[in-house]
Amino acid sequence: MPVANLTLGRIDYLNCVPLYEGLRRGSENPPLELVGGNPAELNHGLESGAIDISPSSSILPATSPGENYFILPDIAIASVAEVRSVLLVSRKPPGQLAGAEITLTSHSLTSIFLLKIILARFLEIPLAKLSFRPGEFSRSVGPPAALVIGDRALKLFHHPPEGYQVYDLGKLWHHFTGLPFVYALWLGRREILPKKAASLNQLHARLLQIVAGLPARRGELAGRLAESSGFTREQLLAYWQQAISYRLDQPALAGLRLFYRQAHELGLVERLPKLEFFP
């Protein structure tokens, strides 16, 4: 019996390229229809039913009403410490941002919660004294501080804008907690389980196979993408080797659960989510 087609979200950032390159080349994949977008767009696709499964914001299970999602085990988009592509770009040290306007990218959800937790819980700035507005960082506008994610953040990590310092949120989280941080979980809609369990099993096995084979493939991939990506081979390789982790292991799960607790204690989410893993 043929396995059912999966509509799979694809984050259009370099942190996910090794996974999707593996899926593109693999012969063991279930039939996939890819839908590209940034994390916020893929969240909306999951919520609307346009996407079956996707690496999506790890905070989504805590912000969505009901228990609508399952999680693929063992795999995530995470960092053990420094992440390089989730940054606070600021004219002042983070602990001095009380009263300063902070621009928040619309491309992310988890990173916004992470920034608020770092400022309010770890640096002890009351939320009432923090000022946020939506917007993307622009050197010409020059906001006091801005949250930047993805490939654009990675460029700023290597080339900080004049007059600003860049603060790595993964590094700050690890400094205060000693734990990894999980930015994205592989989330699927519970309603697809009856018809698409076989496809999900096949996708899960393939993703774990890709992750296991990455040490042997990252160098070739970094060399191939260096020119088109705007980064050097060494920068890409260091990013994939030193910053990005794809493992949802026990330390990562401990970091994830602490993230939910901190968000709940700050009143940023109403409930602690129940994590339901496939199968």
C-alpha atoms as a PDB file:
ATOM      1  CA  MET A   1       0.000   0.000   0.000  1.00  0.00           C
ATOM      2  CA  PRO A   2       1.491   3.426  -0.931  1.00  0.00           C
ATOM      3  CA  VAL A   3       2.155   5.806   1.933  1.00  0.00           C
ATOM      4  CA  ALA A   4       0.133   9.019   2.119  1.00  0.00           C
ATOM      5  CA  ASN A   5       1.543  12.311   0.912  1.00  0.00           C
ATOM      6  CA  LEU A   6       2.820  14.723   3.586  1.00  0.00           C
ATOM      7  CA  THR A   7       2.688  18.499   3.290  1.00  0.00           C
ATOM      8  CA  LEU A   8       5.942  19.497   4.957  1.00  0.00           C
ATOM      9  CA  GLY A   9       6.934  23.001   6.039  1.00  0.00           C
ATOM     10  CA  ARG A  10      10.445  24.105   5.100  1.00  0.00           C
ATOM     11  CA  ILE A  11      12.181  26.874   7.068  1.00  0.00           C
ATOM     12  CA  ASP A  12      14.028  28.990   4.521  1.00  0.00           C
ATOM     13  CA  TYR A  13      17.118  29.514   6.695  1.00  0.00           C
ATOM     14  CA  LEU A  14      20.623  28.065   6.564  1.00  0.00           C
ATOM     15  CA  ASN A  15      20.145  26.328   9.902  1.00  0.00           C
ATOM     16  CA  CYS A  16      17.788  23.861   8.188  1.00  0.00           C
ATOM     17  CA  VAL A  17      19.601  23.463   4.862  1.00  0.00           C
ATOM     18  CA  PRO A  18      21.472  20.247   5.832  1.00  0.00           C
ATOM     19  CA  LEU A  19      18.173  18.531   6.664  1.00  0.00           C
ATOM     20  CA  TYR A  20      16.325  19.564   3.531  1.00  0.00           C
ATOM     21  CA  GLU A  21      19.314  18.810   1.335  1.00  0.00           C
ATOM     22  CA  GLY A  22      19.227  15.306   2.756  1.00  0.00           C
ATOM     23  CA  LEU A  23      15.502  15.014   2.081  1.00  0.00           C
ATOM     24  CA  ARG A  24      15.953  16.313  -1.456  1.00  0.00           C
ATOM     25  CA  ARG A  25      18.589  13.698  -2.241  1.00  0.00           C
ATOM     26  CA  GLY A  26      17.174  10.758  -0.341  1.00  0.00           C
ATOM     27  CA  SER A  27      15.339   7.866  -1.945  1.00  0.00           C
ATOM     28  CA  GLU A  28      13.845   6.668   1.361  1.00  0.00           C
ATOM     29  CA  ASN A  29      11.537   9.669   1.842  1.00  0.00           C
ATOM     30  CA  PRO A  30       7.757   9.455   1.917  1.00  0.00           C
ATOM     31  CA  PRO A  31       6.080  11.539  -0.828  1.00  0.00           C
ATOM     32  CA  LEU A  32       6.505  15.161   0.266  1.00  0.00           C
ATOM     33  CA  GLU A  33       5.022  18.459  -0.798  1.00  0.00           C
ATOM     34  CA  LEU A  34       7.254  21.257   0.552  1.00  0.00           C
ATOM     35  CA  VAL A  35       5.879  24.621   1.672  1.00  0.00           C
ATOM     36  CA  GLY A  36       8.571  27.213   2.361  1.00  0.00           C
ATOM     37  CA  GLY A  37       8.486  30.157   4.741  1.00  0.00           C
ATOM     38  CA  ASN A  38       9.895  31.727   7.883  1.00  0.00           C
ATOM     39  CA  PRO A  39       8.988  30.234  11.283  1.00  0.00           C
ATOM     40  CA  ALA A  40       5.998  32.551  11.815  1.00  0.00           C
ATOM     41  CA  GLU A  41       4.571  31.711   8.379  1.00  0.00           C
ATOM     42  CA  LEU A  42       4.945  27.986   8.991  1.00  0.00           C
ATOM     43  CA  ASN A  43       3.212  28.376  12.365  1.00  0.00           C
ATOM     44  CA  HIS A  44       0.228  29.880  10.544  1.00  0.00           C
ATOM     45  CA  GLY A  45       0.301  27.073   7.990  1.00  0.00           C
ATOM     46  CA  LEU A  46       0.144  24.479  10.747  1.00  0.00           C
ATOM     47  CA  GLU A  47      -2.626  26.285  12.571  1.00  0.00           C
ATOM     48  CA  SER A  48      -4.724  26.653   9.408  1.00  0.00           C
ATOM     49  CA  GLY A  49      -4.221  23.049   8.289  1.00  0.00           C
ATOM     50  CA  ALA A  50      -2.317  24.017   5.145  1.00  0.00           C
ATOM     51  CA  ILE A  51       0.723  22.117   6.488  1.00  0.00           C
ATOM     52  CA  ASP A  52       0.725  18.628   8.023  1.00  0.00           C
ATOM     53  CA  ILE A  53       4.073  18.807   9.812  1.00  0.00           C
ATOM     54  CA  SER A  54       6.900  21.300  10.056  1.00  0.00           C
ATOM     55  CA  PRO A  55       9.815  22.448  12.155  1.00  0.00           C
ATOM     56  CA  SER A  56       7.886  25.175  13.968  1.00  0.00           C
ATOM     57  CA  SER A  57       8.283  27.519  16.911  1.00  0.00           C
ATOM     58  CA  SER A  58       8.865  25.563  20.102  1.00  0.00           C
ATOM     59  CA  ILE A  59       6.554  27.910  22.011  1.00  0.00           C
ATOM     60  CA  LEU A  60       3.604  27.026  19.747  1.00  0.00           C
ATOM     61  CA  PRO A  61       2.280  24.151  21.935  1.00  0.00           C
ATOM     62  CA  ALA A  62       2.000  26.641  24.807  1.00  0.00           C
ATOM     63  CA  THR A  63       0.303  29.430  22.834  1.00  0.00           C
ATOM     64  CA  SER A  64      -2.167  27.418  20.756  1.00  0.00           C
ATOM     65  CA  PRO A  65      -5.559  26.583  22.262  1.00  0.00           C
ATOM     66  CA  GLY A  66      -6.082  22.910  22.962  1.00  0.00           C
ATOM     67  CA  GLU A  67      -3.722  20.010  22.401  1.00  0.00           C
ATOM     68  CA  ASN A  68      -3.557  20.188  18.618  1.00  0.00           C
ATOM     69  CA  TYR A  69      -0.023  18.980  17.937  1.00  0.00           C
ATOM     70  CA  PHE A  70       2.258  16.002  18.303  1.00  0.00           C
ATOM     71  CA  ILE A  71       6.072  16.176  18.317  1.00  0.00           C
ATOM     72  CA  LEU A  72       8.504  14.037  16.363  1.00  0.00           C
ATOM     73  CA  PRO A  73      10.918  12.720  19.006  1.00  0.00           C
ATOM     74  CA  ASP A  74      14.710  12.970  18.971  1.00  0.00           C
ATOM     75  CA  ILE A  75      14.972  15.860  16.509  1.00  0.00           C
ATOM     76  CA  ALA A  76      14.759  19.653  16.830  1.00  0.00           C
ATOM     77  CA  ILE A  77      16.440  22.910  15.828  1.00  0.00           C
ATOM     78  CA  ALA A  78      18.450  23.839  18.911  1.00  0.00           C
ATOM     79  CA  SER A  79      21.720  25.182  20.235  1.00  0.00           C
ATOM     80  CA  VAL A  80      23.833  23.812  23.042  1.00  0.00           C
ATOM     81  CA  ALA A  81      25.203  27.294  23.766  1.00  0.00           C
ATOM     82  CA  GLU A  82      25.965  29.943  21.134  1.00  0.00           C
ATOM     83  CA  VAL A  83      23.485  29.927  18.228  1.00  0.00           C
ATOM     84  CA  ARG A  84      24.771  32.860  16.084  1.00  0.00           C
ATOM     85  CA  SER A  85      21.480  33.385  14.249  1.00  0.00           C
ATOM     86  CA  VAL A  86      19.202  34.638  17.059  1.00  0.00           C
ATOM     87  CA  LEU A  87      20.585  37.985  18.160  1.00  0.00           C
ATOM     88  CA  LEU A  88      19.787  41.076  20.136  1.00  0.00           C
ATOM     89  CA  VAL A  89      21.450  43.955  18.276  1.00  0.00           C
ATOM     90  CA  SER A  90      21.737  46.823  20.740  1.00  0.00           C
ATOM     91  CA  ARG A  91      23.398  50.168  21.348  1.00  0.00           C
ATOM     92  CA  LYS A  92      23.326  49.407  25.094  1.00  0.00           C
ATOM     93  CA  PRO A  93      24.088  46.307  27.156  1.00  0.00           C
ATOM     94  CA  PRO A  94      20.903  44.237  27.568  1.00  0.00           C
ATOM     95  CA  GLY A  95      20.712  44.982  31.285  1.00  0.00           C
ATOM     96  CA  GLN A  96      20.382  48.717  30.496  1.00  0.00           C
ATOM     97  CA  LEU A  97      17.398  48.492  28.130  1.00  0.00           C
ATOM     98  CA  ALA A  98      14.710  49.583  30.602  1.00  0.00           C
ATOM     99  CA  GLY A  99      12.705  52.296  28.854  1.00  0.00           C
ATOM    100  CA  ALA A 100      14.422  51.802  25.492  1.00  0.00           C
ATOM    101  CA  GLU A 101      12.359  50.756  22.480  1.00  0.00           C
ATOM    102  CA  ILE A 102      13.179  47.259  21.232  1.00  0.00           C
ATOM    103  CA  THR A 103      12.178  46.247  17.710  1.00  0.00           C
ATOM    104  CA  LEU A 104      10.839  42.688  17.358  1.00  0.00           C
ATOM    105  CA  THR A 105      11.004  40.801  14.081  1.00  0.00           C
ATOM    106  CA  SER A 106       7.716  39.423  12.764  1.00  0.00           C
ATOM    107  CA  HIS A 107       9.475  36.291  11.461  1.00  0.00           C
ATOM    108  CA  SER A 108       9.721  34.566  14.822  1.00  0.00           C
ATOM    109  CA  LEU A 109       7.651  33.625  17.849  1.00  0.00           C
ATOM    110  CA  THR A 110       9.926  31.588  20.107  1.00  0.00           C
ATOM    111  CA  SER A 111      12.770  34.126  19.943  1.00  0.00           C
ATOM    112  CA  ILE A 112      10.458  36.906  21.126  1.00  0.00           C
ATOM    113  CA  PHE A 113       9.541  34.881  24.212  1.00  0.00           C
ATOM    114  CA  LEU A 114      13.203  34.004  24.766  1.00  0.00           C
ATOM    115  CA  LEU A 115      14.257  37.662  24.649  1.00  0.00           C
ATOM    116  CA  LYS A 116      11.548  38.684  27.117  1.00  0.00           C
ATOM    117  CA  ILE A 117      12.581  35.909  29.516  1.00  0.00           C
ATOM    118  CA  ILE A 118      16.254  36.887  29.344  1.00  0.00           C
ATOM    119  CA  LEU A 119      15.487  40.550  30.000  1.00  0.00           C
ATOM    120  CA  ALA A 120      12.750  40.145  32.602  1.00  0.00           C
ATOM    121  CA  ARG A 121      13.781  36.975  34.468  1.00  0.00           C
ATOM    122  CA  PHE A 122      17.538  36.774  34.166  1.00  0.00           C
ATOM    123  CA  LEU A 123      18.415  40.482  33.960  1.00  0.00           C
ATOM    124  CA  GLU A 124      15.541  41.436  36.289  1.00  0.00           C
ATOM    125  CA  ILE A 125      14.078  44.272  34.218  1.00  0.00           C
ATOM    126  CA  PRO A 126      10.341  44.467  34.975  1.00  0.00           C
ATOM    127  CA  LEU A 127       8.231  43.779  31.887  1.00  0.00           C
ATOM    128  CA  ALA A 128       6.396  47.048  32.529  1.00  0.00           C
ATOM    129  CA  LYS A 129       9.673  48.901  31.938  1.00  0.00           C
ATOM    130  CA  LEU A 130      10.355  47.180  28.620  1.00  0.00           C
ATOM    131  CA  SER A 131       9.074  48.738  25.411  1.00  0.00           C
ATOM    132  CA  PHE A 132       8.579  46.589  22.305  1.00  0.00           C
ATOM    133  CA  ARG A 133       7.308  47.327  18.828  1.00  0.00           C
ATOM    134  CA  PRO A 134       7.083  45.176  15.687  1.00  0.00           C
ATOM    135  CA  GLY A 135       9.601  45.829  12.932  1.00  0.00           C
ATOM    136  CA  GLU A 136      12.726  44.617  11.194  1.00  0.00           C
ATOM    137  CA  PHE A 137      16.170  45.949  12.062  1.00  0.00           C
ATOM    138  CA  SER A 138      17.389  48.730   9.780  1.00  0.00           C
ATOM    139  CA  ARG A 139      20.755  50.434  10.022  1.00  0.00           C
ATOM    140  CA  SER A 140      19.263  53.598   8.550  1.00  0.00           C
ATOM    141  CA  VAL A 141      16.487  53.835  11.143  1.00  0.00           C
ATOM    142  CA  GLY A 142      18.888  52.844  13.910  1.00  0.00           C
ATOM    143  CA  PRO A 143      16.607  51.618  16.739  1.00  0.00           C
ATOM    144  CA  PRO A 144      18.114  51.413  20.236  1.00  0.00           C
ATOM    145  CA  ALA A 145      17.833  47.606  20.072  1.00  0.00           C
ATOM    146  CA  ALA A 146      16.360  44.954  17.804  1.00  0.00           C
ATOM    147  CA  LEU A 147      15.722  41.221  17.736  1.00  0.00           C
ATOM    148  CA  VAL A 148      17.088  39.677  14.524  1.00  0.00           C
ATOM    149  CA  ILE A 149      16.918  36.018  13.492  1.00  0.00           C
ATOM    150  CA  GLY A 150      17.899  33.699  10.680  1.00  0.00           C
ATOM    151  CA  ASP A 151      20.447  34.272   7.931  1.00  0.00           C
ATOM    152  CA  ARG A 152      20.292  38.029   8.425  1.00  0.00           C
ATOM    153  CA  ALA A 153      21.278  37.595  12.062  1.00  0.00           C
ATOM    154  CA  LEU A 154      24.131  35.305  11.034  1.00  0.00           C
ATOM    155  CA  LYS A 155      25.477  38.069   8.769  1.00  0.00           C
ATOM    156  CA  LEU A 156      25.292  40.554  11.652  1.00  0.00           C
ATOM    157  CA  PHE A 157      27.057  38.056  13.898  1.00  0.00           C
ATOM    158  CA  HIS A 158      30.037  38.134  11.537  1.00  0.00           C
ATOM    159  CA  HIS A 159      29.713  41.845  10.651  1.00  0.00           C
ATOM    160  CA  PRO A 160      28.189  43.812  13.567  1.00  0.00           C
ATOM    161  CA  PRO A 161      26.658  47.139  12.470  1.00  0.00           C
ATOM    162  CA  GLU A 162      28.569  50.248  13.475  1.00  0.00           C
ATOM    163  CA  GLY A 163      27.465  51.597  16.830  1.00  0.00           C
ATOM    164  CA  TYR A 164      25.923  48.310  17.952  1.00  0.00           C
ATOM    165  CA  GLN A 165      26.912  45.232  19.900  1.00  0.00           C
ATOM    166  CA  VAL A 166      25.435  41.833  19.076  1.00  0.00           C
ATOM    167  CA  TYR A 167      24.253  39.582  21.895  1.00  0.00           C
ATOM    168  CA  ASP A 168      23.678  35.916  21.133  1.00  0.00           C
ATOM    169  CA  LEU A 169      20.452  34.785  22.827  1.00  0.00           C
ATOM    170  CA  GLY A 170      21.428  31.119  22.804  1.00  0.00           C
ATOM    171  CA  LYS A 171      24.667  31.994  24.558  1.00  0.00           C
ATOM    172  CA  LEU A 172      22.842  34.150  27.111  1.00  0.00           C
ATOM    173  CA  TRP A 173      20.282  31.404  27.804  1.00  0.00           C
ATOM    174  CA  HIS A 174      23.074  28.881  28.344  1.00  0.00           C
ATOM    175  CA  HIS A 175      24.981  31.330  30.563  1.00  0.00           C
ATOM    176  CA  PHE A 176      22.006  31.694  32.916  1.00  0.00           C
ATOM    177  CA  THR A 177      20.648  28.125  32.792  1.00  0.00           C
ATOM    178  CA  GLY A 178      23.483  25.821  31.745  1.00  0.00           C
ATOM    179  CA  LEU A 179      21.027  24.148  29.336  1.00  0.00           C
ATOM    180  CA  PRO A 180      20.525  23.965  25.567  1.00  0.00           C
ATOM    181  CA  PHE A 181      17.756  25.990  23.967  1.00  0.00           C
ATOM    182  CA  VAL A 182      15.195  24.549  21.541  1.00  0.00           C
ATOM    183  CA  TYR A 183      14.024  27.040  18.899  1.00  0.00           C
ATOM    184  CA  ALA A 184      11.911  24.698  16.786  1.00  0.00           C
ATOM    185  CA  LEU A 185      10.200  21.364  17.280  1.00  0.00           C
ATOM    186  CA  TRP A 186       9.010  19.122  14.469  1.00  0.00           C
ATOM    187  CA  LEU A 187       5.297  19.638  15.089  1.00  0.00           C
ATOM    188  CA  GLY A 188       2.468  17.838  13.316  1.00  0.00           C
ATOM    189  CA  ARG A 189      -1.299  18.171  13.403  1.00  0.00           C
ATOM    190  CA  ARG A 190      -2.901  15.425  15.489  1.00  0.00           C
ATOM    191  CA  GLU A 191      -5.755  15.068  12.985  1.00  0.00           C
ATOM    192  CA  ILE A 192      -3.425  13.585  10.337  1.00  0.00           C
ATOM    193  CA  LEU A 193      -2.356  10.646  12.520  1.00  0.00           C
ATOM    194  CA  PRO A 194      -5.020   8.127  11.481  1.00  0.00           C
ATOM    195  CA  LYS A 195      -4.199   8.400   7.754  1.00  0.00           C
ATOM    196  CA  LYS A 196      -0.533   9.387   7.704  1.00  0.00           C
ATOM    197  CA  ALA A 197       1.185   7.470  10.507  1.00  0.00           C
ATOM    198  CA  ALA A 198       3.173   5.326   8.046  1.00  0.00           C
ATOM    199  CA  SER A 199       4.442   8.437   6.233  1.00  0.00           C
ATOM    200  CA  LEU A 200       5.409  10.024   9.541  1.00  0.00           C
ATOM    201  CA  ASN A 201       7.331   6.925  10.572  1.00  0.00           C
ATOM    202  CA  GLN A 202       9.202   7.024   7.292  1.00  0.00           C
ATOM    203  CA  LEU A 203       9.939  10.765   7.586  1.00  0.00           C
ATOM    204  CA  HIS A 204      11.149  10.372  11.179  1.00  0.00           C
ATOM    205  CA  ALA A 205      13.489   7.523  10.296  1.00  0.00           C
ATOM    206  CA  ARG A 206      14.851   9.469   7.328  1.00  0.00           C
ATOM    207  CA  LEU A 207      15.508  12.613   9.387  1.00  0.00           C
ATOM    208  CA  LEU A 208      17.418  10.647  12.015  1.00  0.00           C
ATOM    209  CA  GLN A 209      19.432   9.016   9.236  1.00  0.00           C
ATOM    210  CA  ILE A 210      20.271  12.445   7.794  1.00  0.00           C
ATOM    211  CA  VAL A 211      21.370  13.804  11.190  1.00  0.00           C
ATOM    212  CA  ALA A 212      23.554  10.757  11.810  1.00  0.00           C
ATOM    213  CA  GLY A 213      25.269  11.278   8.460  1.00  0.00           C
ATOM    214  CA  LEU A 214      25.868  15.013   8.790  1.00  0.00           C
ATOM    215  CA  PRO A 215      29.456  14.855  10.108  1.00  0.00           C
ATOM    216  CA  ALA A 216      30.520  13.257   6.827  1.00  0.00           C
ATOM    217  CA  ARG A 217      28.516  15.631   4.622  1.00  0.00           C
ATOM    218  CA  ARG A 218      28.773  19.108   6.152  1.00  0.00           C
ATOM    219  CA  GLY A 219      32.127  19.988   4.582  1.00  0.00           C
ATOM    220  CA  GLU A 220      30.984  19.231   1.036  1.00  0.00           C
ATOM    221  CA  LEU A 221      27.714  21.079   1.572  1.00  0.00           C
ATOM    222  CA  ALA A 222      29.446  24.144   3.030  1.00  0.00           C
ATOM    223  CA  GLY A 223      31.820  24.285   0.077  1.00  0.00           C
ATOM    224  CA  ARG A 224      28.971  23.988  -2.414  1.00  0.00           C
ATOM    225  CA  LEU A 225      26.854  26.732  -0.805  1.00  0.00           C
ATOM    226  CA  ALA A 226      29.605  29.149   0.169  1.00  0.00           C
ATOM    227  CA  GLU A 227      29.377  31.463  -2.833  1.00  0.00           C
ATOM    228  CA  SER A 228      25.590  31.567  -3.206  1.00  0.00           C
ATOM    229  CA  SER A 229      24.906  31.970   0.526  1.00  0.00           C
ATOM    230  CA  GLY A 230      27.155  34.975   1.073  1.00  0.00           C
ATOM    231  CA  PHE A 231      29.170  33.165   3.734  1.00  0.00           C
ATOM    232  CA  THR A 232      32.550  31.506   3.535  1.00  0.00           C
ATOM    233  CA  ARG A 233      32.896  27.743   3.689  1.00  0.00           C
ATOM    234  CA  GLU A 234      34.539  28.110   7.099  1.00  0.00           C
ATOM    235  CA  GLN A 235      31.680  30.248   8.441  1.00  0.00           C
ATOM    236  CA  LEU A 236      29.018  27.802   7.271  1.00  0.00           C
ATOM    237  CA  LEU A 237      30.888  24.789   8.554  1.00  0.00           C
ATOM    238  CA  ALA A 238      31.456  26.411  11.969  1.00  0.00           C
ATOM    239  CA  TYR A 239      27.770  27.353  12.130  1.00  0.00           C
ATOM    240  CA  TRP A 240      26.591  23.799  11.474  1.00  0.00           C
ATOM    241  CA  GLN A 241      29.274  22.173  13.628  1.00  0.00           C
ATOM    242  CA  GLN A 242      29.447  24.518  16.610  1.00  0.00           C
ATOM    243  CA  ALA A 243      26.155  26.423  16.825  1.00  0.00           C
ATOM    244  CA  ILE A 244      23.252  24.355  15.475  1.00  0.00           C
ATOM    245  CA  SER A 245      22.171  21.114  17.104  1.00  0.00           C
ATOM    246  CA  TYR A 246      19.470  18.856  15.676  1.00  0.00           C
ATOM    247  CA  ARG A 247      19.135  16.622  18.732  1.00  0.00           C
ATOM    248  CA  LEU A 248      16.136  16.654  21.030  1.00  0.00           C
ATOM    249  CA  ASP A 249      17.888  14.765  23.826  1.00  0.00           C
ATOM    250  CA  GLN A 250      17.353  14.914  27.586  1.00  0.00           C
ATOM    251  CA  PRO A 251      19.330  18.159  28.170  1.00  0.00           C
ATOM    252  CA  ALA A 252      17.426  19.831  25.311  1.00  0.00           C
ATOM    253  CA  LEU A 253      14.103  18.662  26.750  1.00  0.00           C
ATOM    254  CA  ALA A 254      15.119  20.010  30.170  1.00  0.00           C
ATOM    255  CA  GLY A 255      15.870  23.370  28.545  1.00  0.00           C
ATOM    256  CA  LEU A 256      12.531  23.289  26.710  1.00  0.00           C
ATOM    257  CA  ARG A 257      10.544  22.581  29.862  1.00  0.00           C
ATOM    258  CA  LEU A 258      12.399  25.350  31.731  1.00  0.00           C
ATOM    259  CA  PHE A 259      11.553  27.724  28.877  1.00  0.00           C
ATOM    260  CA  TYR A 260       7.865  26.906  29.265  1.00  0.00           C
ATOM    261  CA  ARG A 261       8.012  27.356  33.044  1.00  0.00           C
ATOM    262  CA  GLN A 262       9.739  30.724  32.748  1.00  0.00           C
ATOM    263  CA  ALA A 263       7.202  31.924  30.163  1.00  0.00           C
ATOM    264  CA  HIS A 264       4.335  30.773  32.382  1.00  0.00           C
ATOM    265  CA  GLU A 265       5.742  32.396  35.519  1.00  0.00           C
ATOM    266  CA  LEU A 266       6.111  35.690  33.622  1.00  0.00           C
ATOM    267  CA  GLY A 267       2.508  35.468  32.462  1.00  0.00           C
ATOM    268  CA  LEU A 268       3.504  35.191  28.806  1.00  0.00           C
ATOM    269  CA  VAL A 269       1.547  31.938  28.386  1.00  0.00           C
ATOM    270  CA  GLU A 270      -1.534  30.770  30.252  1.00  0.00           C
ATOM    271  CA  ARG A 271      -0.595  27.116  30.606  1.00  0.00           C
ATOM    272  CA  LEU A 272       2.237  24.635  30.588  1.00  0.00           C
ATOM    273  CA  PRO A 273       1.809  22.428  27.491  1.00  0.00           C
ATOM    274  CA  LYS A 274       1.590  18.686  27.609  1.00  0.00           C
ATOM    275  CA  LEU A 275       4.218  17.341  25.208  1.00  0.00           C
ATOM    276  CA  GLU A 276       2.760  14.533  23.092  1.00  0.00           C
ATOM    277  CA  PHE A 277       5.343  12.586  21.077  1.00  0.00           C
ATOM    278  CA  PHE A 278       4.743  10.485  17.962  1.00  0.00           C
ATOM    279  CA  PRO A 279       3.785   7.697  17.828  1.00  0.00           C
END
